[in-house]
N, C-alpha and C. Protein backbone atom coordinates (compact mmCIF):
# COMPACT_ATOMS: atom_id res chain seq x y z
N MET A 1 52.93 -135.49 -48.50
CA MET A 1 51.80 -135.41 -49.42
C MET A 1 51.58 -133.96 -49.79
N GLU A 2 51.28 -133.73 -51.01
CA GLU A 2 51.10 -132.36 -51.48
C GLU A 2 49.73 -131.81 -51.11
N LYS A 3 49.70 -130.50 -50.91
CA LYS A 3 48.45 -129.84 -50.55
C LYS A 3 47.41 -130.04 -51.65
N ASN A 4 47.83 -130.01 -52.92
CA ASN A 4 46.90 -130.19 -54.02
C ASN A 4 46.19 -131.54 -53.95
N PHE A 5 46.88 -132.54 -53.43
CA PHE A 5 46.28 -133.87 -53.26
C PHE A 5 45.07 -133.76 -52.34
N PHE A 6 45.24 -133.07 -51.21
CA PHE A 6 44.15 -132.92 -50.26
C PHE A 6 43.01 -132.09 -50.84
N ASP A 7 43.35 -131.06 -51.59
CA ASP A 7 42.31 -130.25 -52.22
C ASP A 7 41.51 -131.09 -53.21
N ALA A 8 42.18 -131.98 -53.92
CA ALA A 8 41.51 -132.82 -54.91
C ALA A 8 40.57 -133.83 -54.27
N ILE A 9 40.97 -134.38 -53.12
CA ILE A 9 40.13 -135.42 -52.51
C ILE A 9 39.17 -134.88 -51.46
N GLN A 10 39.24 -133.60 -51.15
CA GLN A 10 38.40 -133.03 -50.09
C GLN A 10 36.91 -133.30 -50.30
N PRO A 11 36.34 -133.11 -51.48
CA PRO A 11 34.91 -133.39 -51.64
C PRO A 11 34.56 -134.85 -51.30
N ASN A 12 35.44 -135.77 -51.67
CA ASN A 12 35.20 -137.17 -51.35
C ASN A 12 35.29 -137.43 -49.86
N LEU A 13 36.23 -136.77 -49.20
CA LEU A 13 36.38 -136.92 -47.75
C LEU A 13 35.13 -136.42 -47.03
N ILE A 14 34.63 -135.28 -47.45
CA ILE A 14 33.45 -134.70 -46.82
C ILE A 14 32.25 -135.60 -47.02
N GLU A 15 32.08 -136.13 -48.21
CA GLU A 15 30.96 -137.04 -48.48
C GLU A 15 31.08 -138.30 -47.63
N ARG A 16 32.28 -138.84 -47.54
CA ARG A 16 32.52 -140.05 -46.75
C ARG A 16 32.24 -139.79 -45.26
N LEU A 17 32.71 -138.68 -44.75
CA LEU A 17 32.45 -138.35 -43.35
C LEU A 17 30.96 -138.17 -43.09
N GLY A 18 30.26 -137.54 -44.02
CA GLY A 18 28.81 -137.37 -43.86
C GLY A 18 28.09 -138.70 -43.76
N LYS A 19 28.48 -139.65 -44.59
CA LYS A 19 27.88 -140.99 -44.53
C LYS A 19 28.20 -141.66 -43.19
N PHE A 20 29.41 -141.48 -42.72
CA PHE A 20 29.83 -142.06 -41.45
C PHE A 20 29.03 -141.47 -40.30
N TYR A 21 28.89 -140.15 -40.29
CA TYR A 21 28.14 -139.48 -39.23
C TYR A 21 26.69 -139.96 -39.20
N ASN A 22 26.08 -140.04 -40.36
CA ASN A 22 24.67 -140.40 -40.43
C ASN A 22 24.38 -141.82 -39.99
N CYS A 23 25.41 -142.64 -39.85
CA CYS A 23 25.24 -144.01 -39.37
C CYS A 23 25.52 -144.13 -37.87
N ASP A 24 25.92 -143.05 -37.24
CA ASP A 24 26.33 -143.08 -35.84
C ASP A 24 25.17 -142.65 -34.94
N CYS A 25 24.79 -143.52 -34.01
CA CYS A 25 23.66 -143.24 -33.11
C CYS A 25 23.93 -142.04 -32.20
N GLU A 26 25.14 -141.93 -31.69
CA GLU A 26 25.47 -140.82 -30.80
C GLU A 26 25.35 -139.49 -31.55
N TYR A 27 25.82 -139.46 -32.80
CA TYR A 27 25.70 -138.25 -33.62
C TYR A 27 24.23 -137.91 -33.84
N LYS A 28 23.42 -138.91 -34.16
CA LYS A 28 22.00 -138.68 -34.41
C LYS A 28 21.31 -138.12 -33.17
N GLN A 29 21.65 -138.64 -32.00
CA GLN A 29 21.06 -138.14 -30.75
C GLN A 29 21.47 -136.70 -30.49
N ALA A 30 22.74 -136.40 -30.72
CA ALA A 30 23.23 -135.03 -30.51
C ALA A 30 22.56 -134.06 -31.48
N LEU A 31 22.38 -134.49 -32.72
CA LEU A 31 21.72 -133.65 -33.71
C LEU A 31 20.26 -133.42 -33.34
N LYS A 32 19.60 -134.45 -32.84
CA LYS A 32 18.21 -134.31 -32.40
C LYS A 32 18.10 -133.29 -31.27
N LYS A 33 19.01 -133.39 -30.30
CA LYS A 33 19.02 -132.45 -29.18
C LYS A 33 19.28 -131.02 -29.67
N GLU A 34 20.22 -130.88 -30.58
CA GLU A 34 20.53 -129.57 -31.16
C GLU A 34 19.29 -128.98 -31.82
N THR A 35 18.58 -129.78 -32.57
CA THR A 35 17.38 -129.33 -33.27
C THR A 35 16.30 -128.90 -32.28
N GLU A 36 16.12 -129.68 -31.21
CA GLU A 36 15.13 -129.34 -30.19
C GLU A 36 15.46 -128.01 -29.52
N LEU A 37 16.73 -127.82 -29.18
CA LEU A 37 17.14 -126.58 -28.53
C LEU A 37 16.97 -125.38 -29.45
N PHE A 38 17.26 -125.58 -30.73
CA PHE A 38 17.11 -124.47 -31.67
C PHE A 38 15.65 -124.09 -31.84
N LYS A 39 14.77 -125.08 -31.82
CA LYS A 39 13.33 -124.79 -31.89
C LYS A 39 12.89 -123.94 -30.71
N GLN A 40 13.45 -124.23 -29.54
CA GLN A 40 13.13 -123.42 -28.35
C GLN A 40 13.59 -121.98 -28.55
N LEU A 41 14.77 -121.81 -29.14
CA LEU A 41 15.26 -120.46 -29.41
C LEU A 41 14.35 -119.74 -30.40
N GLU A 42 13.93 -120.43 -31.44
CA GLU A 42 13.05 -119.83 -32.44
C GLU A 42 11.75 -119.32 -31.81
N GLU A 43 11.26 -120.06 -30.84
CA GLU A 43 10.00 -119.69 -30.19
C GLU A 43 10.15 -118.55 -29.19
N SER A 44 11.36 -118.35 -28.65
CA SER A 44 11.51 -117.38 -27.57
C SER A 44 12.27 -116.11 -27.93
N LEU A 45 12.96 -116.10 -29.06
CA LEU A 45 13.76 -114.92 -29.41
C LEU A 45 13.06 -114.07 -30.47
N SER A 46 13.40 -112.80 -30.47
CA SER A 46 12.91 -111.91 -31.53
C SER A 46 13.63 -112.26 -32.83
N GLY A 47 13.15 -111.73 -33.92
CA GLY A 47 13.77 -111.99 -35.22
C GLY A 47 15.23 -111.56 -35.27
N GLU A 48 15.51 -110.39 -34.71
CA GLU A 48 16.88 -109.87 -34.70
C GLU A 48 17.79 -110.74 -33.82
N GLN A 49 17.28 -111.13 -32.67
CA GLN A 49 18.06 -111.99 -31.78
C GLN A 49 18.32 -113.35 -32.42
N LEU A 50 17.29 -113.90 -33.05
CA LEU A 50 17.43 -115.19 -33.70
C LEU A 50 18.45 -115.12 -34.84
N GLN A 51 18.45 -114.03 -35.58
CA GLN A 51 19.42 -113.86 -36.66
C GLN A 51 20.84 -113.80 -36.10
N ALA A 52 21.01 -113.14 -34.96
CA ALA A 52 22.33 -113.08 -34.33
C ALA A 52 22.79 -114.47 -33.91
N VAL A 53 21.88 -115.26 -33.37
CA VAL A 53 22.22 -116.65 -32.99
C VAL A 53 22.59 -117.45 -34.22
N LYS A 54 21.83 -117.32 -35.31
CA LYS A 54 22.13 -118.04 -36.55
C LYS A 54 23.50 -117.63 -37.11
N ASN A 55 23.79 -116.34 -37.07
CA ASN A 55 25.10 -115.87 -37.55
C ASN A 55 26.23 -116.46 -36.71
N TYR A 56 26.03 -116.48 -35.41
CA TYR A 56 27.03 -117.07 -34.50
C TYR A 56 27.19 -118.56 -34.80
N GLN A 57 26.07 -119.25 -34.93
CA GLN A 57 26.10 -120.69 -35.21
C GLN A 57 26.82 -120.97 -36.54
N ASP A 58 26.55 -120.17 -37.55
CA ASP A 58 27.24 -120.35 -38.84
C ASP A 58 28.75 -120.18 -38.69
N ALA A 59 29.16 -119.18 -37.92
CA ALA A 59 30.59 -118.93 -37.73
C ALA A 59 31.24 -120.08 -36.97
N VAL A 60 30.57 -120.58 -35.93
CA VAL A 60 31.11 -121.70 -35.16
C VAL A 60 31.22 -122.95 -36.04
N CYS A 61 30.18 -123.21 -36.81
CA CYS A 61 30.20 -124.40 -37.68
C CYS A 61 31.30 -124.31 -38.73
N ARG A 62 31.52 -123.13 -39.28
CA ARG A 62 32.62 -122.97 -40.25
C ARG A 62 33.96 -123.25 -39.59
N THR A 63 34.14 -122.71 -38.39
CA THR A 63 35.39 -122.93 -37.66
C THR A 63 35.60 -124.41 -37.37
N TRP A 64 34.58 -125.08 -36.88
CA TRP A 64 34.69 -126.51 -36.57
C TRP A 64 34.92 -127.32 -37.84
N GLY A 65 34.30 -126.93 -38.95
CA GLY A 65 34.51 -127.62 -40.21
C GLY A 65 35.97 -127.52 -40.66
N ILE A 66 36.55 -126.34 -40.50
CA ILE A 66 37.96 -126.15 -40.83
C ILE A 66 38.83 -127.01 -39.93
N CYS A 67 38.54 -126.99 -38.63
CA CYS A 67 39.31 -127.79 -37.68
C CYS A 67 39.22 -129.28 -38.01
N GLU A 68 38.03 -129.72 -38.35
CA GLU A 68 37.83 -131.13 -38.68
C GLU A 68 38.64 -131.52 -39.91
N MET A 69 38.62 -130.68 -40.93
CA MET A 69 39.35 -130.99 -42.15
C MET A 69 40.87 -130.95 -41.90
N LEU A 70 41.33 -129.98 -41.11
CA LEU A 70 42.75 -129.91 -40.78
C LEU A 70 43.19 -131.16 -40.01
N ALA A 71 42.36 -131.60 -39.07
CA ALA A 71 42.69 -132.80 -38.30
C ALA A 71 42.73 -134.03 -39.21
N TYR A 72 41.81 -134.11 -40.13
CA TYR A 72 41.78 -135.23 -41.07
C TYR A 72 43.03 -135.22 -41.95
N LYS A 73 43.35 -134.05 -42.46
CA LYS A 73 44.56 -133.92 -43.30
C LYS A 73 45.81 -134.30 -42.51
N GLN A 74 45.89 -133.84 -41.26
CA GLN A 74 47.07 -134.16 -40.45
C GLN A 74 47.13 -135.65 -40.19
N GLY A 75 45.99 -136.26 -39.97
CA GLY A 75 45.95 -137.71 -39.79
C GLY A 75 46.45 -138.44 -41.02
N MET A 76 46.10 -137.94 -42.19
CA MET A 76 46.58 -138.54 -43.44
C MET A 76 48.10 -138.37 -43.55
N ARG A 77 48.60 -137.19 -43.18
CA ARG A 77 50.05 -136.95 -43.21
C ARG A 77 50.76 -137.89 -42.23
N ASP A 78 50.19 -138.03 -41.05
CA ASP A 78 50.79 -138.91 -40.05
C ASP A 78 50.80 -140.36 -40.54
N LEU A 79 49.71 -140.79 -41.16
CA LEU A 79 49.66 -142.14 -41.70
C LEU A 79 50.71 -142.32 -42.80
N ALA A 80 50.83 -141.33 -43.66
CA ALA A 80 51.84 -141.39 -44.72
C ALA A 80 53.24 -141.48 -44.12
N ALA A 81 53.50 -140.74 -43.06
CA ALA A 81 54.82 -140.78 -42.41
C ALA A 81 55.07 -142.15 -41.79
N ILE A 82 54.05 -142.70 -41.15
CA ILE A 82 54.19 -144.02 -40.55
C ILE A 82 54.47 -145.08 -41.61
N LEU A 83 53.81 -144.95 -42.75
CA LEU A 83 53.99 -145.92 -43.84
C LEU A 83 55.26 -145.66 -44.65
N GLY A 84 55.93 -144.56 -44.35
CA GLY A 84 57.18 -144.25 -45.04
C GLY A 84 57.00 -143.58 -46.39
N ILE A 85 55.84 -143.02 -46.62
CA ILE A 85 55.59 -142.29 -47.86
C ILE A 85 56.14 -140.89 -47.68
N GLU A 86 56.96 -140.45 -48.61
CA GLU A 86 57.56 -139.12 -48.47
C GLU A 86 56.52 -138.04 -48.51
N SER A 87 56.72 -137.03 -47.70
CA SER A 87 55.82 -135.89 -47.62
C SER A 87 56.44 -134.72 -48.35
N LYS A 88 55.67 -134.12 -49.25
CA LYS A 88 56.10 -132.90 -49.95
C LYS A 88 55.22 -131.78 -49.47
N GLY A 89 55.79 -130.70 -49.03
CA GLY A 89 55.01 -129.58 -48.56
C GLY A 89 54.75 -129.70 -47.08
N GLU A 90 53.52 -129.37 -46.68
CA GLU A 90 53.17 -129.31 -45.25
C GLU A 90 53.16 -130.68 -44.62
């Protein structure tokens, strides 16, 4: 499968994953816990410290987002290989 194919469908994949996550109870519980913990940080850290935590959190989330998309793309490639669809590129 060509890289351009994945670039073209990426917005749809992200939207679909978001809908899937929002229907998952375990995800909702984890998000609730994350929100509670962040509120504790907001109450106990200085502005500068809180900004450092936010910057770190943004960097981690970007990294995980990239990993998630790469894993999804690889899964699509693996499925294509299993189904015998020729792969062009990566």
